[in-house]
Amino acid sequence: MLDIFTVSFFGHRQIDEARQVVEQLDELVRRFIREKEYVDFLVGRNGEFDQYAASAGRLAKKDIDDANSSLILVLPYMTAEYANNKESFEKYYDEVEIFSSGHFKSAFQTRNRSMVDRSDLVVLCIDRSEGGAYQTARYTKSAGKDYLNIGSLKL
């Protein structure tokens, strides 16, 4: 039976130390691909950190090995951007999941908690104690999940 290691990524929409964050993500993703039998990388698409995490996954898969990992986009609901560009999304990501949780206002929080719950490790980039990424970090910690914060805020 395949041993799947699941990693999710959460961070603020805007990242101050972008170069440092990109380097850390690249190093982490490559390490996971080399060390784990199989890795599922769960990402959103809601800001700079999400884009950096997805890019690190794509680049590492091209450079190292495409066979032992999947880059999975988890959308909180069907978006017009996805509906209008489905083919290009499906070329970029190995899978696209549309997490429909009911009410629009709670969709992101519900999606984020679901991603945390199914993760073996949560990679965070939290620099301030506000916003959805911070709320997800608090949930991660309270759920007893393993996490790594590459941001500056002590959790």
N, C-alpha and C. Protein backbone atom coordinates (compact mmCIF):
# COMPACT_ATOMS: atom_id res chain seq x y z
N MET A 1 0.84 -1.19 0.00
CA MET A 1 0.00 0.00 0.00
C MET A 1 0.89 1.26 0.00
N LEU A 2 0.54 2.20 -0.81
CA LEU A 2 1.30 3.43 -0.97
C LEU A 2 1.17 4.31 0.28
N ASP A 3 2.31 4.78 0.78
CA ASP A 3 2.32 5.67 1.94
C ASP A 3 2.28 7.12 1.43
N ILE A 4 1.12 7.76 1.57
CA ILE A 4 0.94 9.13 1.07
C ILE A 4 1.12 10.12 2.21
N PHE A 5 2.03 11.07 2.00
CA PHE A 5 2.29 12.17 2.93
C PHE A 5 1.60 13.40 2.36
N THR A 6 0.68 13.98 3.12
CA THR A 6 -0.10 15.12 2.62
C THR A 6 0.35 16.41 3.30
N VAL A 7 0.64 17.40 2.48
CA VAL A 7 1.10 18.71 2.95
C VAL A 7 0.16 19.77 2.41
N SER A 8 -0.30 20.66 3.28
CA SER A 8 -1.09 21.80 2.82
C SER A 8 -0.34 23.09 3.13
N PHE A 9 -0.67 24.13 2.38
CA PHE A 9 0.03 25.41 2.47
C PHE A 9 -0.96 26.54 2.71
N PHE A 10 -0.63 27.40 3.70
CA PHE A 10 -1.46 28.56 4.00
C PHE A 10 -0.58 29.75 4.36
N GLY A 11 -0.88 30.89 3.77
CA GLY A 11 -0.14 32.09 4.10
C GLY A 11 -0.94 33.32 3.72
N HIS A 12 -0.41 34.45 4.09
CA HIS A 12 -1.08 35.72 3.80
C HIS A 12 -1.13 35.97 2.29
N ARG A 13 -2.08 36.78 1.89
CA ARG A 13 -2.23 37.11 0.46
C ARG A 13 -1.01 37.87 -0.06
N GLN A 14 -0.46 38.75 0.76
CA GLN A 14 0.72 39.51 0.36
C GLN A 14 1.89 39.09 1.24
N ILE A 15 3.03 38.84 0.60
CA ILE A 15 4.22 38.37 1.29
C ILE A 15 5.30 39.44 1.18
N ASP A 16 5.87 39.82 2.33
CA ASP A 16 6.89 40.86 2.35
C ASP A 16 8.26 40.36 1.88
N GLU A 17 8.70 39.23 2.38
CA GLU A 17 10.02 38.69 2.06
C GLU A 17 9.88 37.59 1.01
N ALA A 18 9.43 37.97 -0.18
CA ALA A 18 9.08 36.99 -1.21
C ALA A 18 10.24 36.08 -1.59
N ARG A 19 11.40 36.63 -1.83
CA ARG A 19 12.55 35.82 -2.26
C ARG A 19 12.89 34.74 -1.23
N GLN A 20 12.91 35.13 0.02
CA GLN A 20 13.22 34.18 1.10
C GLN A 20 12.14 33.10 1.19
N VAL A 21 10.90 33.49 1.08
CA VAL A 21 9.79 32.54 1.15
C VAL A 21 9.85 31.56 -0.01
N VAL A 22 10.10 32.06 -1.21
CA VAL A 22 10.19 31.19 -2.40
C VAL A 22 11.32 30.18 -2.22
N GLU A 23 12.47 30.62 -1.73
CA GLU A 23 13.60 29.71 -1.52
C GLU A 23 13.27 28.64 -0.49
N GLN A 24 12.61 29.03 0.61
CA GLN A 24 12.25 28.06 1.64
C GLN A 24 11.23 27.05 1.11
N LEU A 25 10.24 27.52 0.38
CA LEU A 25 9.25 26.61 -0.19
C LEU A 25 9.90 25.63 -1.17
N ASP A 26 10.76 26.14 -2.01
CA ASP A 26 11.44 25.29 -2.98
C ASP A 26 12.23 24.20 -2.26
N GLU A 27 12.95 24.57 -1.24
CA GLU A 27 13.75 23.60 -0.48
C GLU A 27 12.85 22.55 0.20
N LEU A 28 11.78 23.00 0.83
CA LEU A 28 10.87 22.07 1.52
C LEU A 28 10.21 21.09 0.55
N VAL A 29 9.67 21.61 -0.53
CA VAL A 29 8.96 20.76 -1.49
C VAL A 29 9.91 19.72 -2.08
N ARG A 30 11.10 20.13 -2.44
CA ARG A 30 12.08 19.19 -2.99
C ARG A 30 12.47 18.13 -1.97
N ARG A 31 12.62 18.55 -0.72
CA ARG A 31 12.95 17.58 0.33
C ARG A 31 11.84 16.55 0.49
N PHE A 32 10.59 17.00 0.50
CA PHE A 32 9.47 16.06 0.65
C PHE A 32 9.44 15.07 -0.51
N ILE A 33 9.64 15.55 -1.72
CA ILE A 33 9.60 14.67 -2.89
C ILE A 33 10.72 13.63 -2.82
N ARG A 34 11.89 14.05 -2.36
CA ARG A 34 13.02 13.12 -2.26
C ARG A 34 12.85 12.11 -1.13
N GLU A 35 12.28 12.54 0.00
CA GLU A 35 12.26 11.71 1.21
C GLU A 35 11.00 10.86 1.38
N LYS A 36 9.91 11.26 0.80
CA LYS A 36 8.64 10.55 1.02
C LYS A 36 8.33 9.64 -0.16
N GLU A 37 7.59 8.57 0.14
CA GLU A 37 7.21 7.64 -0.92
C GLU A 37 6.29 8.33 -1.93
N TYR A 38 5.31 9.09 -1.43
CA TYR A 38 4.40 9.83 -2.29
C TYR A 38 3.89 11.04 -1.52
N VAL A 39 3.79 12.19 -2.19
CA VAL A 39 3.36 13.42 -1.54
C VAL A 39 2.20 14.05 -2.29
N ASP A 40 1.14 14.38 -1.55
CA ASP A 40 0.05 15.20 -2.07
C ASP A 40 0.27 16.61 -1.54
N PHE A 41 0.43 17.57 -2.44
CA PHE A 41 0.56 18.98 -2.07
C PHE A 41 -0.79 19.64 -2.30
N LEU A 42 -1.42 20.12 -1.22
CA LEU A 42 -2.71 20.79 -1.30
C LEU A 42 -2.50 22.29 -1.27
N VAL A 43 -3.00 22.97 -2.28
CA VAL A 43 -2.83 24.43 -2.36
C VAL A 43 -4.15 25.10 -2.69
N GLY A 44 -4.25 26.35 -2.30
CA GLY A 44 -5.36 27.20 -2.70
C GLY A 44 -4.89 28.08 -3.84
N ARG A 45 -5.64 29.11 -4.09
CA ARG A 45 -5.28 30.05 -5.17
C ARG A 45 -5.78 31.43 -4.78
N ASN A 46 -5.35 31.87 -3.60
CA ASN A 46 -5.94 33.09 -3.06
C ASN A 46 -4.93 34.15 -2.67
N GLY A 47 -3.75 34.08 -3.19
CA GLY A 47 -2.78 35.11 -2.87
C GLY A 47 -1.38 34.70 -3.27
N GLU A 48 -0.43 35.56 -2.93
CA GLU A 48 0.96 35.34 -3.31
C GLU A 48 1.51 34.04 -2.75
N PHE A 49 1.28 33.77 -1.47
CA PHE A 49 1.85 32.56 -0.88
C PHE A 49 1.34 31.31 -1.58
N ASP A 50 0.06 31.27 -1.88
CA ASP A 50 -0.51 30.12 -2.59
C ASP A 50 0.16 29.94 -3.95
N GLN A 51 0.39 31.04 -4.65
CA GLN A 51 1.05 30.97 -5.96
C GLN A 51 2.49 30.48 -5.82
N TYR A 52 3.19 30.95 -4.80
CA TYR A 52 4.57 30.51 -4.59
C TYR A 52 4.62 29.02 -4.26
N ALA A 53 3.70 28.56 -3.44
CA ALA A 53 3.67 27.13 -3.08
C ALA A 53 3.38 26.27 -4.30
N ALA A 54 2.39 26.68 -5.11
CA ALA A 54 2.06 25.92 -6.31
C ALA A 54 3.24 25.91 -7.28
N SER A 55 3.90 27.04 -7.45
CA SER A 55 5.06 27.11 -8.35
C SER A 55 6.19 26.22 -7.87
N ALA A 56 6.44 26.21 -6.58
CA ALA A 56 7.49 25.34 -6.02
C ALA A 56 7.17 23.88 -6.31
N GLY A 57 5.91 23.51 -6.17
CA GLY A 57 5.50 22.14 -6.47
C GLY A 57 5.69 21.80 -7.93
N ARG A 58 5.26 22.67 -8.81
CA ARG A 58 5.40 22.42 -10.26
C ARG A 58 6.86 22.30 -10.67
N LEU A 59 7.69 23.23 -10.22
CA LEU A 59 9.10 23.22 -10.61
C LEU A 59 9.82 21.98 -10.08
N ALA A 60 9.56 21.63 -8.85
CA ALA A 60 10.21 20.45 -8.26
C ALA A 60 9.79 19.18 -8.99
N LYS A 61 8.52 19.09 -9.33
CA LYS A 61 8.02 17.91 -10.04
C LYS A 61 8.71 17.78 -11.41
N LYS A 62 8.97 18.89 -12.06
CA LYS A 62 9.64 18.86 -13.36
C LYS A 62 11.12 18.50 -13.21
N ASP A 63 11.77 19.08 -12.20
CA ASP A 63 13.20 18.89 -12.03
C ASP A 63 13.58 17.54 -11.42
N ILE A 64 12.77 17.05 -10.49
CA ILE A 64 13.15 15.85 -9.74
C ILE A 64 12.45 14.62 -10.28
N ASP A 65 11.15 14.61 -10.10
CA ASP A 65 10.39 13.41 -10.47
C ASP A 65 8.92 13.77 -10.46
N ASP A 66 8.23 13.37 -11.48
CA ASP A 66 6.81 13.66 -11.58
C ASP A 66 5.97 12.51 -11.05
N ALA A 67 6.61 11.40 -10.71
CA ALA A 67 5.86 10.18 -10.42
C ALA A 67 5.45 10.02 -8.96
N ASN A 68 6.08 10.70 -8.03
CA ASN A 68 5.76 10.45 -6.64
C ASN A 68 5.11 11.63 -5.92
N SER A 69 4.46 12.51 -6.68
CA SER A 69 3.76 13.61 -6.02
C SER A 69 2.62 14.12 -6.90
N SER A 70 1.67 14.77 -6.25
CA SER A 70 0.55 15.41 -6.94
C SER A 70 0.36 16.81 -6.39
N LEU A 71 0.15 17.74 -7.29
CA LEU A 71 -0.17 19.12 -6.93
C LEU A 71 -1.67 19.27 -7.09
N ILE A 72 -2.35 19.48 -5.97
CA ILE A 72 -3.82 19.49 -5.96
C ILE A 72 -4.33 20.87 -5.56
N LEU A 73 -5.07 21.48 -6.46
CA LEU A 73 -5.72 22.75 -6.17
C LEU A 73 -7.05 22.45 -5.50
N VAL A 74 -7.28 23.06 -4.35
CA VAL A 74 -8.54 22.88 -3.64
C VAL A 74 -9.25 24.24 -3.61
N LEU A 75 -10.28 24.35 -4.43
CA LEU A 75 -11.07 25.58 -4.50
C LEU A 75 -12.22 25.51 -3.49
N PRO A 76 -12.56 26.63 -2.87
CA PRO A 76 -13.65 26.61 -1.88
C PRO A 76 -15.03 26.44 -2.50
N TYR A 77 -15.15 26.76 -3.80
CA TYR A 77 -16.40 26.64 -4.55
C TYR A 77 -16.05 26.84 -6.02
N MET A 78 -16.99 26.56 -6.88
CA MET A 78 -16.78 26.76 -8.31
C MET A 78 -16.63 28.26 -8.58
N THR A 79 -15.54 28.62 -9.22
CA THR A 79 -15.31 30.02 -9.56
C THR A 79 -15.46 30.23 -11.06
N ALA A 80 -15.77 31.43 -11.45
CA ALA A 80 -15.87 31.76 -12.87
C ALA A 80 -14.50 31.60 -13.53
N GLU A 81 -13.44 31.97 -12.81
CA GLU A 81 -12.09 31.83 -13.37
C GLU A 81 -11.81 30.37 -13.72
N TYR A 82 -12.15 29.47 -12.83
CA TYR A 82 -11.94 28.05 -13.12
C TYR A 82 -12.86 27.57 -14.25
N ALA A 83 -14.12 27.91 -14.17
CA ALA A 83 -15.09 27.47 -15.18
C ALA A 83 -14.68 27.93 -16.58
N ASN A 84 -14.14 29.16 -16.68
CA ASN A 84 -13.76 29.71 -17.98
C ASN A 84 -12.38 29.26 -18.46
N ASN A 85 -11.59 28.67 -17.56
CA ASN A 85 -10.22 28.28 -17.91
C ASN A 85 -9.89 26.86 -17.43
N LYS A 86 -10.89 26.01 -17.43
CA LYS A 86 -10.76 24.66 -16.88
C LYS A 86 -9.58 23.90 -17.49
N GLU A 87 -9.44 23.97 -18.79
CA GLU A 87 -8.37 23.23 -19.47
C GLU A 87 -6.99 23.67 -18.98
N SER A 88 -6.77 24.95 -18.84
CA SER A 88 -5.45 25.42 -18.41
C SER A 88 -5.20 25.09 -16.93
N PHE A 89 -6.22 25.14 -16.10
CA PHE A 89 -6.08 24.72 -14.71
C PHE A 89 -5.69 23.24 -14.64
N GLU A 90 -6.34 22.43 -15.44
CA GLU A 90 -6.09 20.99 -15.41
C GLU A 90 -4.74 20.62 -16.02
N LYS A 91 -4.16 21.49 -16.81
CA LYS A 91 -2.80 21.28 -17.30
C LYS A 91 -1.77 21.63 -16.22
N TYR A 92 -2.07 22.66 -15.44
CA TYR A 92 -1.12 23.13 -14.43
C TYR A 92 -1.14 22.25 -13.18
N TYR A 93 -2.32 21.91 -12.70
CA TYR A 93 -2.47 21.10 -11.49
C TYR A 93 -2.74 19.65 -11.88
N ASP A 94 -2.29 18.72 -11.02
CA ASP A 94 -2.57 17.31 -11.27
C ASP A 94 -4.03 16.98 -11.01
N GLU A 95 -4.61 17.69 -10.06
CA GLU A 95 -6.03 17.52 -9.74
C GLU A 95 -6.60 18.87 -9.32
N VAL A 96 -7.87 19.04 -9.55
CA VAL A 96 -8.59 20.21 -9.05
C VAL A 96 -9.79 19.68 -8.29
N GLU A 97 -9.88 20.05 -7.01
CA GLU A 97 -11.02 19.67 -6.19
C GLU A 97 -11.83 20.92 -5.92
N ILE A 98 -13.13 20.78 -6.04
CA ILE A 98 -14.01 21.91 -5.71
C ILE A 98 -14.74 21.53 -4.44
N PHE A 99 -14.38 22.22 -3.38
CA PHE A 99 -14.92 21.93 -2.07
C PHE A 99 -16.14 22.81 -1.86
N SER A 100 -17.28 22.23 -1.91
CA SER A 100 -18.51 23.00 -1.74
C SER A 100 -19.05 22.76 -0.35
N SER A 101 -19.04 23.81 0.45
CA SER A 101 -19.40 23.66 1.86
C SER A 101 -20.73 24.28 2.23
N GLY A 102 -21.44 24.78 1.27
CA GLY A 102 -22.70 25.42 1.60
C GLY A 102 -22.60 26.92 1.46
N HIS A 103 -22.63 27.62 2.56
CA HIS A 103 -22.71 29.08 2.54
C HIS A 103 -21.41 29.72 2.07
N PHE A 104 -21.52 30.68 1.16
CA PHE A 104 -20.40 31.38 0.56
C PHE A 104 -19.47 32.01 1.60
N LYS A 105 -20.03 32.66 2.62
CA LYS A 105 -19.22 33.39 3.58
C LYS A 105 -18.30 32.49 4.40
N SER A 106 -18.69 31.25 4.60
CA SER A 106 -17.85 30.34 5.39
C SER A 106 -17.04 29.38 4.52
N ALA A 107 -17.13 29.52 3.21
CA ALA A 107 -16.51 28.56 2.29
C ALA A 107 -15.00 28.45 2.47
N PHE A 108 -14.31 29.58 2.59
CA PHE A 108 -12.86 29.54 2.71
C PHE A 108 -12.43 28.88 4.02
N GLN A 109 -13.05 29.29 5.11
CA GLN A 109 -12.70 28.73 6.40
C GLN A 109 -12.99 27.22 6.46
N THR A 110 -14.11 26.82 5.92
CA THR A 110 -14.47 25.40 5.92
C THR A 110 -13.51 24.61 5.04
N ARG A 111 -13.21 25.13 3.86
CA ARG A 111 -12.24 24.48 2.96
C ARG A 111 -10.87 24.37 3.63
N ASN A 112 -10.41 25.45 4.27
CA ASN A 112 -9.10 25.45 4.92
C ASN A 112 -9.04 24.42 6.04
N ARG A 113 -10.07 24.34 6.84
CA ARG A 113 -10.08 23.36 7.93
C ARG A 113 -10.07 21.94 7.39
N SER A 114 -10.79 21.71 6.33
CA SER A 114 -10.79 20.38 5.71
C SER A 114 -9.39 20.02 5.20
N MET A 115 -8.70 20.98 4.59
CA MET A 115 -7.34 20.74 4.11
C MET A 115 -6.41 20.43 5.27
N VAL A 116 -6.52 21.18 6.36
CA VAL A 116 -5.70 20.93 7.55
C VAL A 116 -5.98 19.53 8.09
N ASP A 117 -7.25 19.18 8.20
CA ASP A 117 -7.63 17.89 8.77
C ASP A 117 -7.04 16.71 8.00
N ARG A 118 -6.89 16.84 6.71
CA ARG A 118 -6.37 15.71 5.93
C ARG A 118 -4.86 15.76 5.74
N SER A 119 -4.20 16.74 6.35
CA SER A 119 -2.76 16.92 6.18
C SER A 119 -1.94 16.25 7.28
N ASP A 120 -0.78 15.76 6.87
CA ASP A 120 0.21 15.26 7.83
C ASP A 120 1.08 16.41 8.33
N LEU A 121 1.24 17.43 7.49
CA LEU A 121 2.01 18.62 7.84
C LEU A 121 1.36 19.82 7.18
N VAL A 122 1.31 20.93 7.91
CA VAL A 122 0.79 22.19 7.38
C VAL A 122 1.95 23.18 7.34
N VAL A 123 2.24 23.69 6.15
CA VAL A 123 3.28 24.70 5.99
C VAL A 123 2.59 26.06 5.97
N LEU A 124 3.00 26.91 6.88
CA LEU A 124 2.40 28.23 7.06
C LEU A 124 3.42 29.32 6.76
N CYS A 125 2.91 30.47 6.35
CA CYS A 125 3.73 31.66 6.24
C CYS A 125 2.92 32.79 6.88
N ILE A 126 3.05 32.88 8.21
CA ILE A 126 2.24 33.80 9.00
C ILE A 126 3.16 34.85 9.62
N ASP A 127 2.91 36.10 9.29
CA ASP A 127 3.70 37.22 9.80
C ASP A 127 2.93 38.15 10.73
N ARG A 128 1.60 37.99 10.73
CA ARG A 128 0.77 38.89 11.55
C ARG A 128 -0.45 38.13 12.07
N SER A 129 -0.97 38.61 13.16
CA SER A 129 -2.07 37.91 13.84
C SER A 129 -3.42 38.44 13.40
N GLU A 130 -3.66 38.32 12.07
CA GLU A 130 -4.95 38.72 11.50
C GLU A 130 -5.16 37.99 10.19
N GLY A 131 -6.40 37.92 9.77
CA GLY A 131 -6.73 37.35 8.47
C GLY A 131 -7.01 35.86 8.50
N GLY A 132 -7.43 35.38 7.35
CA GLY A 132 -7.81 33.98 7.21
C GLY A 132 -6.66 33.01 7.41
N ALA A 133 -5.47 33.36 6.93
CA ALA A 133 -4.32 32.48 7.10
C ALA A 133 -3.99 32.34 8.59
N TYR A 134 -4.07 33.44 9.32
CA TYR A 134 -3.82 33.37 10.77
C TYR A 134 -4.87 32.51 11.46
N GLN A 135 -6.13 32.66 11.08
CA GLN A 135 -7.19 31.83 11.66
C GLN A 135 -6.94 30.35 11.36
N THR A 136 -6.48 30.06 10.17
CA THR A 136 -6.17 28.67 9.82
C THR A 136 -4.98 28.17 10.63
N ALA A 137 -4.00 29.02 10.86
CA ALA A 137 -2.86 28.64 11.71
C ALA A 137 -3.33 28.32 13.12
N ARG A 138 -4.21 29.12 13.65
CA ARG A 138 -4.76 28.86 15.00
C ARG A 138 -5.50 27.52 15.01
N TYR A 139 -6.28 27.26 13.98
CA TYR A 139 -7.00 25.99 13.89
C TYR A 139 -6.01 24.82 13.81
N THR A 140 -4.97 24.98 13.01
CA THR A 140 -3.95 23.94 12.86
C THR A 140 -3.35 23.58 14.21
N LYS A 141 -3.00 24.59 14.95
CA LYS A 141 -2.39 24.38 16.27
C LYS A 141 -3.39 23.72 17.23
N SER A 142 -4.62 24.21 17.26
CA SER A 142 -5.62 23.65 18.18
C SER A 142 -6.01 22.22 17.81
N ALA A 143 -5.88 21.87 16.52
CA ALA A 143 -6.19 20.51 16.08
C ALA A 143 -5.03 19.54 16.35
N GLY A 144 -3.92 20.07 16.83
CA GLY A 144 -2.77 19.23 17.14
C GLY A 144 -2.02 18.74 15.92
N LYS A 145 -2.16 19.45 14.83
CA LYS A 145 -1.48 19.05 13.59
C LYS A 145 -0.03 19.53 13.61
N ASP A 146 0.85 18.75 12.98
CA ASP A 146 2.23 19.18 12.80
C ASP A 146 2.23 20.35 11.83
N TYR A 147 3.02 21.37 12.15
CA TYR A 147 3.09 22.53 11.27
C TYR A 147 4.49 23.12 11.30
N LEU A 148 4.76 23.89 10.27
CA LEU A 148 6.01 24.62 10.15
C LEU A 148 5.65 26.00 9.66
N ASN A 149 5.98 27.03 10.45
CA ASN A 149 5.72 28.41 10.02
C ASN A 149 7.01 29.01 9.51
N ILE A 150 7.05 29.33 8.23
CA ILE A 150 8.25 29.96 7.66
C ILE A 150 8.14 31.48 7.73
N GLY A 151 7.06 31.97 8.31
CA GLY A 151 6.88 33.40 8.53
C GLY A 151 7.51 33.80 9.84
N SER A 152 7.38 35.08 10.19
CA SER A 152 8.07 35.63 11.35
C SER A 152 7.27 35.56 12.66
N LEU A 153 5.97 35.31 12.58
CA LEU A 153 5.14 35.31 13.80
C LEU A 153 5.34 34.00 14.57
N LYS A 154 5.58 34.14 15.86
CA LYS A 154 5.70 32.95 16.71
C LYS A 154 4.29 32.47 17.04
N LEU A 155 4.00 31.23 16.70
CA LEU A 155 2.66 30.67 16.93
C LEU A 155 2.61 29.89 18.23
